[in-house]
Amino acid sequence: MSEGLNYAPVARVTKPVCEHGAFPFAAAYLDHGHIFGMVDNLVAAGGSLSAVYEPNSKVANQLLEGYPQARRVANFAEILQSKEIKLVAAAAVPSLRGPIGIEVMQHGKDYFTDKCPFVSLRQLQEARKAVQDTGMKYAVCFSERLQNEAAEFARELIDDGVIGQVVQVLGLGPHRLSPANRPDWFFQKNQYGGILCDIGSHQAEQFLTYSDNHAADVIMARVDNFANPQTPELEDFGEFSLKGANGCSGYFRMDWFTPNGLRTWGDGRTTILGTKGFIECRKYIDLAVSPLRENTVYIVTDDSEEQHSVSGQIGFPFFPALILDCLNRTELAMTQEHSFKAAELSLQAQALADLEV
């Protein structure tokens, strides 16, 4: 897969956690290709896609081809008013994700959105209040961890204490631009939010997860447009750094400079340094290794240096856990505060960078 906008991996080892029909959900606002992976993984975990709302017939039919039992509705209100649908999965234009989520929760349904979940701190504040008022869930698909087996394996290693206490997290989030295939909103900052708000939300979430932090401060942030003057509101480069409440530091770089010679859409990597060793995740490719190899994890400790290829071995445990959380009203997949804090940090980083531009 050469373009990140259509990257939609499906878990290989997920087993359904509920009976067929016990978790009907809807898909709506299919503006980003990530929705296909979100839907596929919910279904693999036991969910049943029952309705689709999308004004663009071509996109709607693309999803319905895989799920002919789902019905296409002409009005989003049909989904909101349904008594059986438990969750709405959506990948709307980023600036609309917050308002759509609030509407969904006000109708007594949980919401599962593609990242970034918001484009402003005000939208985040409004969603926090809606969660408190309704008791519903505002879940976020931070796919660079939740849909990547190397990233999930790293989490398990850290939780098991393999590298000791985490003291630094380094994250690289390069993407291929493919401008001819991008919609207009992708180049309008008030609609996509900025590169730190968007791709940076992945990195902020991974920092909180790997460093076991519930809070952090943004130390540095900047953005730029180095090579795309024809789309002046596009930020093709961004970086920011964090310091967690427990002292762990993080540095993250994201860009739209993946060259065409790379066999995939971006050489995403994460390196986690601990007091007893370090881990490197090469998520989507090992450079110049044939055939293309994803999900490679390198581990170095006092005992050994190891290489693990984990494709097909870890799966995506977030999705079955999310379904159980919705059914049982628990928070095992990801706490609400964790997802909101990841969004908050990326929005704060974006706001700081915007002051410097």
Protein backbone atom coordinates (compact mmCIF):
# COMPACT_ATOMS: atom_id res chain seq x y z
CA MET A 1 0.00 0.00 0.00
CA SER A 2 1.68 3.16 -1.21
CA GLU A 3 -0.66 5.78 0.25
CA GLY A 4 -1.41 6.33 3.93
CA LEU A 5 -4.92 7.68 3.24
CA ASN A 6 -6.00 4.17 2.24
CA TYR A 7 -3.98 2.22 4.81
CA ALA A 8 -6.55 -0.03 6.50
CA PRO A 9 -4.95 -3.13 8.04
CA VAL A 10 -7.22 -5.77 9.55
CA ALA A 11 -6.38 -7.82 12.62
CA ARG A 12 -5.40 -11.40 11.82
CA VAL A 13 -5.95 -12.99 15.23
CA THR A 14 -9.00 -11.18 16.60
CA LYS A 15 -11.89 -13.40 17.67
CA PRO A 16 -15.46 -12.15 18.09
CA VAL A 17 -16.24 -11.17 21.66
CA CYS A 18 -20.01 -11.20 21.28
CA GLU A 19 -22.75 -13.09 19.47
CA HIS A 20 -23.60 -12.04 15.94
CA GLY A 21 -26.07 -9.17 16.09
CA ALA A 22 -25.29 -8.25 19.69
CA PHE A 23 -23.34 -5.14 18.70
CA PRO A 24 -24.95 -3.40 15.70
CA PHE A 25 -23.14 -0.26 14.62
CA ALA A 26 -23.29 2.28 11.83
CA ALA A 27 -20.66 3.92 9.64
CA ALA A 28 -21.08 7.55 8.60
CA TYR A 29 -19.20 10.38 6.93
CA LEU A 30 -16.64 8.32 5.01
CA ASP A 31 -14.37 11.25 4.13
CA HIS A 32 -11.12 9.44 4.99
CA GLY A 33 -10.09 5.95 3.94
CA HIS A 34 -9.30 5.02 7.53
CA ILE A 35 -13.00 4.26 7.98
CA PHE A 36 -12.57 0.99 6.10
CA GLY A 37 -10.07 -0.35 8.61
CA MET A 38 -12.20 0.90 11.50
CA VAL A 39 -15.24 -0.95 10.18
CA ASP A 40 -13.37 -4.12 9.21
CA ASN A 41 -11.78 -4.43 12.63
CA LEU A 42 -15.03 -3.81 14.51
CA VAL A 43 -16.64 -6.57 12.43
CA ALA A 44 -13.70 -8.91 13.03
CA ALA A 45 -14.18 -8.35 16.77
CA GLY A 46 -17.89 -9.23 16.64
CA GLY A 47 -19.65 -6.05 15.57
CA SER A 48 -22.35 -6.01 12.89
CA LEU A 49 -22.42 -3.17 10.39
CA SER A 50 -26.12 -2.39 10.01
CA ALA A 51 -26.30 1.06 8.37
CA VAL A 52 -24.18 3.41 6.29
CA TYR A 53 -24.62 7.13 5.75
CA GLU A 54 -22.48 8.77 3.07
CA PRO A 55 -23.69 11.26 0.42
CA ASN A 56 -21.00 10.18 -2.05
CA SER A 57 -22.44 7.08 -3.74
CA LYS A 58 -19.07 5.85 -5.00
CA VAL A 59 -17.57 5.83 -1.52
CA ALA A 60 -20.71 4.41 0.09
CA ASN A 61 -20.90 1.58 -2.42
CA GLN A 62 -17.24 0.77 -1.90
CA LEU A 63 -17.99 0.01 1.75
CA LEU A 64 -21.33 -1.68 1.08
CA GLU A 65 -19.72 -4.09 -1.40
CA GLY A 66 -18.03 -5.76 1.53
CA TYR A 67 -21.12 -5.63 3.75
CA PRO A 68 -24.20 -6.18 1.57
CA GLN A 69 -26.33 -6.82 4.65
CA ALA A 70 -25.93 -3.18 5.72
CA ARG A 71 -28.45 -0.67 4.41
CA ARG A 72 -27.57 2.72 3.07
CA VAL A 73 -29.64 5.49 4.63
CA ALA A 74 -30.43 8.79 2.96
CA ASN A 75 -30.33 10.88 6.12
CA PHE A 76 -28.00 10.76 9.10
CA ALA A 77 -31.03 11.27 11.33
CA GLU A 78 -32.11 7.70 10.53
CA ILE A 79 -28.99 6.45 12.27
CA LEU A 80 -29.35 8.82 15.18
CA GLN A 81 -32.96 7.79 15.75
CA SER A 82 -32.33 4.06 15.46
CA LYS A 83 -33.08 2.20 18.69
CA GLU A 84 -30.78 -0.71 17.89
CA ILE A 85 -27.52 0.95 16.77
CA LYS A 86 -25.09 1.13 19.68
CA LEU A 87 -22.14 2.96 18.11
CA VAL A 88 -21.42 5.24 15.17
CA ALA A 89 -18.01 4.96 13.49
CA ALA A 90 -17.04 7.97 11.38
CA ALA A 91 -14.12 9.50 9.52
CA ALA A 92 -15.53 12.92 8.67
CA VAL A 93 -13.64 16.04 7.63
CA PRO A 94 -11.59 16.71 10.81
CA SER A 95 -13.26 20.03 11.63
CA LEU A 96 -16.64 18.24 11.71
CA ARG A 97 -15.64 15.27 13.86
CA GLY A 98 -16.24 16.98 17.18
CA PRO A 99 -19.74 18.34 16.38
CA ILE A 100 -20.81 15.02 14.84
CA GLY A 101 -19.61 13.16 17.92
CA ILE A 102 -21.59 15.40 20.24
CA GLU A 103 -24.72 14.87 18.16
CA VAL A 104 -24.20 11.10 18.26
CA MET A 105 -23.71 11.03 22.04
CA GLN A 106 -26.74 13.25 22.62
CA HIS A 107 -28.79 10.57 20.86
CA GLY A 108 -27.60 7.90 23.28
CA LYS A 109 -24.95 6.24 21.14
CA ASP A 110 -21.21 5.79 21.55
CA TYR A 111 -18.97 7.48 18.98
CA PHE A 112 -15.80 6.15 17.35
CA THR A 113 -13.91 8.66 15.22
CA ASP A 114 -10.80 8.60 13.14
CA LYS A 115 -7.99 10.73 14.47
CA CYS A 116 -7.57 13.68 14.83
CA PRO A 117 -10.69 13.89 16.99
CA PHE A 118 -10.76 17.72 17.11
CA VAL A 119 -9.21 20.72 15.42
CA SER A 120 -9.44 23.13 18.38
CA LEU A 121 -9.25 23.12 22.15
CA ARG A 122 -12.76 24.53 22.20
CA GLN A 123 -14.09 21.47 20.38
CA LEU A 124 -12.31 19.28 22.93
CA GLN A 125 -13.89 21.22 25.80
CA GLU A 126 -17.34 20.84 24.25
CA ALA A 127 -16.85 17.09 23.82
CA ARG A 128 -15.68 16.68 27.41
CA LYS A 129 -18.90 18.31 28.58
CA ALA A 130 -21.00 16.15 26.26
CA VAL A 131 -19.40 12.98 27.63
CA GLN A 132 -20.16 14.11 31.18
CA ASP A 133 -23.72 15.06 30.29
CA THR A 134 -24.60 11.93 28.30
CA GLY A 135 -22.45 9.18 29.80
CA MET A 136 -21.59 8.01 26.29
CA LYS A 137 -18.13 7.26 24.89
CA TYR A 138 -16.06 9.41 22.51
CA ALA A 139 -13.53 6.85 21.27
CA VAL A 140 -10.67 7.66 18.89
CA CYS A 141 -8.90 5.43 16.38
CA PHE A 142 -5.23 6.31 16.95
CA SER A 143 -4.32 3.79 14.28
CA GLU A 144 -0.53 4.18 14.35
CA ARG A 145 -0.67 2.17 17.58
CA LEU A 146 -4.08 0.53 17.63
CA GLN A 147 -3.74 -0.90 14.12
CA ASN A 148 -0.07 -1.80 14.23
CA GLU A 149 1.16 -5.04 15.71
CA ALA A 150 4.72 -3.83 16.29
CA ALA A 151 3.39 -0.89 18.31
CA GLU A 152 1.12 -3.14 20.37
CA PHE A 153 3.92 -5.64 20.97
CA ALA A 154 6.10 -2.79 22.25
CA ARG A 155 3.36 -1.86 24.70
CA GLU A 156 3.26 -5.43 26.01
CA LEU A 157 7.05 -5.50 26.44
CA ILE A 158 7.02 -2.22 28.35
CA ASP A 159 4.14 -3.37 30.54
CA ASP A 160 6.16 -6.50 31.34
CA GLY A 161 9.14 -4.38 32.44
CA VAL A 162 11.49 -5.68 29.74
CA ILE A 163 13.30 -2.35 29.34
CA GLY A 164 12.67 -0.99 32.84
CA GLN A 165 11.35 2.51 33.38
CA VAL A 166 10.79 4.43 30.16
CA VAL A 167 12.80 7.64 30.06
CA GLN A 168 12.33 8.78 26.44
CA VAL A 169 10.04 8.12 23.48
CA LEU A 170 11.09 9.10 19.93
CA GLY A 171 8.47 8.97 17.20
CA LEU A 172 8.77 9.49 13.45
CA GLY A 173 5.60 9.88 11.40
CA PRO A 174 6.53 10.43 7.74
CA HIS A 175 3.77 10.19 5.13
CA ARG A 176 3.55 10.30 1.35
CA LEU A 177 1.68 13.39 0.19
CA SER A 178 0.09 12.17 -3.08
CA PRO A 179 -1.52 15.60 -3.59
CA ALA A 180 -3.54 14.61 -6.65
CA ASN A 181 -5.45 12.09 -4.54
CA ARG A 182 -6.20 14.43 -1.64
CA PRO A 183 -9.55 16.19 -1.20
CA ASP A 184 -9.74 19.98 -1.00
CA TRP A 185 -10.24 19.99 2.76
CA PHE A 186 -6.84 18.37 3.22
CA PHE A 187 -5.19 21.66 2.22
CA GLN A 188 -7.42 23.98 4.29
CA LYS A 189 -6.02 24.44 7.77
CA ASN A 190 -9.33 25.36 9.38
CA GLN A 191 -10.61 21.97 8.20
CA TYR A 192 -7.65 19.65 8.86
CA GLY A 193 -6.28 21.47 11.91
CA GLY A 194 -2.55 21.49 11.15
CA ILE A 195 0.05 18.74 10.97
CA LEU A 196 0.64 18.56 14.73
CA CYS A 197 -3.07 18.44 15.44
CA ASP A 198 -3.51 15.71 12.85
CA ILE A 199 -0.55 13.32 12.63
CA GLY A 200 0.78 14.59 15.95
CA SER A 201 -2.22 13.16 17.79
CA HIS A 202 -0.87 9.67 17.02
CA GLN A 203 2.46 10.57 18.55
CA ALA A 204 0.98 12.19 21.65
CA GLU A 205 -1.13 9.08 22.29
CA GLN A 206 1.86 6.76 21.97
CA PHE A 207 3.88 8.94 24.33
CA LEU A 208 1.21 8.72 27.03
CA THR A 209 0.90 4.96 26.53
CA TYR A 210 4.57 4.02 26.48
CA SER A 211 5.71 6.45 29.18
CA ASP A 212 2.78 5.67 31.52
CA ASN A 213 1.89 9.34 31.80
CA HIS A 214 -1.50 10.90 32.41
CA ALA A 215 -0.24 14.43 31.82
CA ALA A 216 2.60 16.22 30.04
CA ASP A 217 3.82 19.68 29.03
CA VAL A 218 4.61 20.79 25.50
CA ILE A 219 8.21 22.00 25.55
CA MET A 220 8.75 22.88 21.88
CA ALA A 221 6.68 22.89 18.72
CA ARG A 222 7.07 24.18 15.19
CA VAL A 223 5.60 23.70 11.73
CA ASP A 224 6.55 24.81 8.24
CA ASN A 225 5.74 24.53 4.56
CA PHE A 226 9.07 23.84 2.89
CA ALA A 227 8.11 22.55 -0.54
CA ASN A 228 4.44 23.17 -1.32
CA PRO A 229 3.94 26.89 -2.00
CA GLN A 230 0.99 26.11 -4.29
CA THR A 231 -0.94 25.00 -1.16
CA PRO A 232 0.18 27.59 1.40
CA GLU A 233 -2.05 26.32 4.22
CA LEU A 234 -0.51 22.85 4.08
CA GLU A 235 2.12 22.18 6.72
CA ASP A 236 4.48 19.64 5.21
CA PHE A 237 6.78 19.46 8.25
CA GLY A 238 6.18 19.53 11.99
CA GLU A 239 7.93 18.62 15.22
CA PHE A 240 7.22 18.87 18.92
CA SER A 241 8.60 17.68 22.23
CA LEU A 242 6.93 16.73 25.49
CA LYS A 243 7.92 16.29 29.11
CA GLY A 244 5.73 13.93 31.06
CA ALA A 245 4.64 14.39 34.63
CA ASN A 246 6.96 11.52 35.60
CA GLY A 247 9.96 13.15 33.89
CA CYS A 248 9.96 11.07 30.70
CA SER A 249 10.69 13.09 27.57
CA GLY A 250 9.41 12.72 24.03
CA TYR A 251 10.39 14.07 20.62
CA PHE A 252 8.21 13.62 17.54
CA ARG A 253 8.64 14.52 13.89
CA MET A 254 6.01 14.26 11.18
CA ASP A 255 6.21 15.22 7.53
CA TRP A 256 4.85 14.76 4.02
CA PHE A 257 8.21 13.99 2.39
CA THR A 258 8.14 10.22 1.84
CA PRO A 259 9.95 9.73 -1.51
CA ASN A 260 8.41 7.67 -4.28
CA GLY A 261 11.21 5.11 -4.06
CA LEU A 262 9.86 3.79 -0.74
CA ARG A 263 7.62 0.76 -1.20
CA THR A 264 5.09 1.91 1.35
CA TRP A 265 3.49 5.22 2.38
CA GLY A 266 5.90 6.05 5.19
CA ASP A 267 8.79 4.65 7.22
CA GLY A 268 7.07 5.12 10.57
CA ARG A 269 9.29 4.27 13.51
CA THR A 270 9.19 4.50 17.28
CA THR A 271 12.17 4.12 19.62
CA ILE A 272 11.57 3.73 23.35
CA LEU A 273 14.51 4.10 25.74
CA GLY A 274 14.28 2.52 29.17
CA THR A 275 16.56 2.21 32.15
CA LYS A 276 17.27 -1.45 31.27
CA GLY A 277 17.24 -1.40 27.47
CA PHE A 278 15.51 -0.04 24.40
CA ILE A 279 12.95 -1.00 21.77
CA GLU A 280 12.69 0.10 18.16
CA CYS A 281 9.53 -0.49 16.13
CA ARG A 282 9.86 -0.42 12.36
CA LYS A 283 6.15 -0.37 11.74
CA TYR A 284 5.59 -0.44 8.01
CA ILE A 285 8.86 -1.40 6.38
CA ASP A 286 12.41 -2.58 7.00
CA LEU A 287 14.41 -0.58 4.48
CA ALA A 288 15.92 -2.47 1.54
CA VAL A 289 14.76 -5.84 2.87
CA SER A 290 12.86 -8.06 0.42
CA PRO A 291 10.10 -9.03 0.44
CA LEU A 292 8.53 -6.01 2.16
CA ARG A 293 8.43 -6.66 5.90
CA GLU A 294 6.18 -4.85 8.35
CA ASN A 295 5.92 -5.02 12.14
CA THR A 296 9.56 -5.60 12.98
CA VAL A 297 10.55 -5.00 16.60
CA TYR A 298 14.13 -4.74 17.83
CA ILE A 299 14.87 -5.21 21.54
CA VAL A 300 18.18 -4.68 23.30
CA THR A 301 18.70 -5.43 27.00
CA ASP A 302 21.62 -6.49 29.21
CA ASP A 303 20.84 -10.08 28.24
CA SER A 304 20.60 -9.93 24.47
CA GLU A 305 19.71 -8.15 21.27
CA GLU A 306 16.69 -9.54 19.49
CA GLN A 307 14.66 -9.07 16.32
CA HIS A 308 11.00 -10.06 16.22
CA SER A 309 8.71 -10.12 13.22
CA VAL A 310 5.24 -9.97 14.73
CA SER A 311 2.89 -9.72 11.75
CA GLY A 312 -0.09 -11.98 12.37
CA GLN A 313 0.91 -12.67 15.97
CA ILE A 314 -0.43 -9.78 18.04
CA GLY A 315 -3.60 -8.59 16.37
CA PHE A 316 -5.39 -5.39 17.31
CA PRO A 317 -6.70 -5.93 20.86
CA PHE A 318 -8.25 -2.45 21.05
CA PHE A 319 -11.25 -3.38 18.90
CA PRO A 320 -12.67 -6.32 20.87
CA ALA A 321 -11.97 -4.37 24.05
CA LEU A 322 -13.88 -1.37 22.68
CA ILE A 323 -16.93 -3.50 21.90
CA LEU A 324 -16.89 -4.97 25.40
CA ASP A 325 -16.48 -1.48 26.87
CA CYS A 326 -19.55 -0.29 25.00
CA LEU A 327 -21.59 -3.31 26.04
CA ASN A 328 -20.41 -3.39 29.67
CA ARG A 329 -19.75 0.37 30.20
CA THR A 330 -16.13 -0.28 31.19
CA GLU A 331 -12.87 1.42 30.11
CA LEU A 332 -10.49 -1.40 29.24
CA ALA A 333 -9.65 -0.48 25.62
CA MET A 334 -8.66 3.11 26.41
CA THR A 335 -9.88 5.48 29.07
CA GLN A 336 -11.81 8.53 28.00
CA GLU A 337 -9.31 10.78 29.74
CA HIS A 338 -6.39 9.15 27.90
CA SER A 339 -7.88 9.77 24.46
CA PHE A 340 -8.83 13.34 25.36
CA LYS A 341 -5.38 14.04 26.85
CA ALA A 342 -3.66 12.81 23.67
CA ALA A 343 -5.85 15.17 21.66
CA GLU A 344 -5.19 18.00 24.09
CA LEU A 345 -1.41 17.66 23.86
CA SER A 346 -1.42 17.66 20.07
CA LEU A 347 -3.73 20.69 20.02
CA GLN A 348 -1.51 22.51 22.51
CA ALA A 349 1.54 21.71 20.40
CA GLN A 350 -0.25 23.01 17.30
CA ALA A 351 -1.26 26.20 19.10
CA LEU A 352 2.33 26.79 20.25
CA ALA A 353 3.69 26.20 16.75
CA ASP A 354 1.10 28.56 15.25
CA LEU A 355 2.40 31.36 17.48
CA GLU A 356 5.82 31.00 15.87
CA VAL A 357 4.65 31.05 12.26
